[in-house]
N, C-alpha and C. Protein backbone atom coordinates (compact mmCIF):
# COMPACT_ATOMS: atom_id res chain seq x y z
N UNK A 1 164.03 197.38 189.36
CA UNK A 1 164.60 196.08 189.14
C UNK A 1 163.84 195.01 189.89
N UNK A 2 163.32 195.34 191.03
CA UNK A 2 162.61 194.34 191.83
C UNK A 2 161.38 193.83 191.09
N UNK A 3 160.71 194.70 190.37
CA UNK A 3 159.51 194.28 189.63
C UNK A 3 159.89 193.31 188.53
N UNK A 4 160.93 193.63 187.78
CA UNK A 4 161.36 192.74 186.69
C UNK A 4 161.76 191.37 187.25
N UNK A 5 162.48 191.36 188.33
CA UNK A 5 162.90 190.10 188.94
C UNK A 5 161.70 189.29 189.40
N UNK A 6 160.71 189.94 189.98
CA UNK A 6 159.51 189.25 190.45
C UNK A 6 158.73 188.65 189.28
N UNK A 7 158.58 189.41 188.21
CA UNK A 7 157.83 188.94 187.05
C UNK A 7 158.52 187.72 186.44
N UNK A 8 159.83 187.80 186.30
CA UNK A 8 160.57 186.66 185.74
C UNK A 8 160.53 185.49 186.71
N UNK A 9 160.64 185.78 188.00
CA UNK A 9 160.64 184.74 189.02
C UNK A 9 159.39 183.88 189.04
N UNK A 10 158.24 184.47 188.73
CA UNK A 10 157.00 183.69 188.73
C UNK A 10 156.71 183.09 187.36
N UNK A 11 157.58 183.38 186.38
CA UNK A 11 157.43 182.78 185.07
C UNK A 11 156.32 183.38 184.23
N UNK A 12 156.01 184.64 184.44
CA UNK A 12 154.96 185.29 183.68
C UNK A 12 155.33 185.35 182.19
N UNK A 13 154.52 184.78 181.33
CA UNK A 13 154.83 184.80 179.91
C UNK A 13 154.54 186.18 179.31
N UNK A 14 155.20 186.49 178.25
CA UNK A 14 154.93 187.74 177.57
C UNK A 14 156.19 188.55 177.33
N UNK A 15 156.00 189.70 176.76
CA UNK A 15 157.12 190.55 176.42
C UNK A 15 157.17 191.79 177.27
N UNK A 16 158.09 192.65 176.92
CA UNK A 16 158.24 193.92 177.62
C UNK A 16 158.22 195.04 176.59
N UNK A 17 157.66 196.15 176.95
CA UNK A 17 157.64 197.31 176.06
C UNK A 17 158.59 198.37 176.62
N UNK A 18 159.36 198.95 175.72
CA UNK A 18 160.28 200.02 176.11
C UNK A 18 159.81 201.30 175.42
N UNK A 19 159.55 202.32 176.22
CA UNK A 19 159.13 203.61 175.68
C UNK A 19 160.26 204.61 175.88
N UNK A 20 160.61 205.30 174.82
CA UNK A 20 161.67 206.30 174.88
C UNK A 20 161.03 207.64 175.24
N UNK A 21 161.17 208.03 176.50
CA UNK A 21 160.57 209.27 176.97
C UNK A 21 161.59 210.21 177.58
N UNK A 22 162.85 209.85 177.53
CA UNK A 22 163.91 210.68 178.08
C UNK A 22 164.32 211.74 177.06
N UNK A 23 164.24 212.98 177.45
CA UNK A 23 164.57 214.08 176.53
C UNK A 23 166.01 214.01 176.03
N UNK A 24 166.87 213.34 176.75
CA UNK A 24 168.26 213.21 176.31
C UNK A 24 168.38 212.44 174.99
N UNK A 25 167.34 211.68 174.67
CA UNK A 25 167.36 210.87 173.45
C UNK A 25 166.50 211.44 172.33
N UNK A 26 165.97 212.62 172.54
CA UNK A 26 165.16 213.24 171.49
C UNK A 26 166.05 213.91 170.45
N UNK A 27 165.50 214.16 169.29
CA UNK A 27 166.21 214.95 168.30
C UNK A 27 166.64 214.19 167.06
N UNK A 28 166.83 212.90 167.19
CA UNK A 28 167.21 212.14 165.99
C UNK A 28 166.89 210.66 166.18
N UNK A 29 166.78 209.99 165.06
CA UNK A 29 166.54 208.56 165.08
C UNK A 29 167.72 207.83 165.73
N UNK A 30 168.94 208.28 165.46
CA UNK A 30 170.11 207.63 166.05
C UNK A 30 170.09 207.70 167.57
N UNK A 31 169.64 208.81 168.12
CA UNK A 31 169.55 208.93 169.59
C UNK A 31 168.50 207.98 170.15
N UNK A 32 167.37 207.88 169.47
CA UNK A 32 166.33 206.95 169.94
C UNK A 32 166.82 205.51 169.85
N UNK A 33 167.55 205.19 168.78
CA UNK A 33 168.12 203.84 168.66
C UNK A 33 169.10 203.57 169.80
N UNK A 34 169.90 204.58 170.14
CA UNK A 34 170.85 204.44 171.25
C UNK A 34 170.13 204.15 172.56
N UNK A 35 168.98 204.78 172.76
CA UNK A 35 168.23 204.54 173.99
C UNK A 35 167.70 203.11 174.05
N UNK A 36 167.30 202.59 172.89
CA UNK A 36 166.81 201.21 172.86
C UNK A 36 167.94 200.21 173.09
N UNK A 37 169.11 200.52 172.58
CA UNK A 37 170.27 199.66 172.83
C UNK A 37 170.61 199.66 174.31
N UNK A 38 170.58 200.82 174.94
CA UNK A 38 170.85 200.92 176.37
C UNK A 38 169.80 200.14 177.17
N UNK A 39 168.54 200.26 176.77
CA UNK A 39 167.46 199.54 177.45
C UNK A 39 167.65 198.04 177.31
N UNK A 40 168.05 197.61 176.12
CA UNK A 40 168.27 196.18 175.86
C UNK A 40 169.38 195.65 176.77
N UNK A 41 170.44 196.41 176.89
CA UNK A 41 171.56 195.99 177.75
C UNK A 41 171.11 195.87 179.21
N UNK A 42 170.30 196.80 179.65
CA UNK A 42 169.81 196.76 181.03
C UNK A 42 168.91 195.55 181.23
N UNK A 43 167.97 195.33 180.32
CA UNK A 43 167.03 194.23 180.49
C UNK A 43 167.68 192.85 180.31
N UNK A 44 168.79 192.80 179.61
CA UNK A 44 169.47 191.51 179.37
C UNK A 44 169.87 190.84 180.67
N UNK A 45 170.12 191.61 181.70
CA UNK A 45 170.55 190.98 182.96
C UNK A 45 169.43 190.16 183.61
N UNK A 46 168.21 190.35 183.15
CA UNK A 46 167.07 189.62 183.72
C UNK A 46 166.62 188.44 182.87
N UNK A 47 167.26 188.26 181.73
CA UNK A 47 166.84 187.18 180.82
C UNK A 47 167.93 186.14 180.70
N UNK A 48 167.51 184.97 180.29
CA UNK A 48 168.47 183.87 180.14
C UNK A 48 169.27 183.98 178.88
């Protein structure tokens, strides 16, 4: 979290990439989509 806060704090332009590498989300497209939704919720706390 400290890295994300620092990057946003200095106003670095650009996007973020989310890679699904957790085995808990393997096996189906729905599981991978769930991981991206979870990632989005986590990253939302750092965006306006």
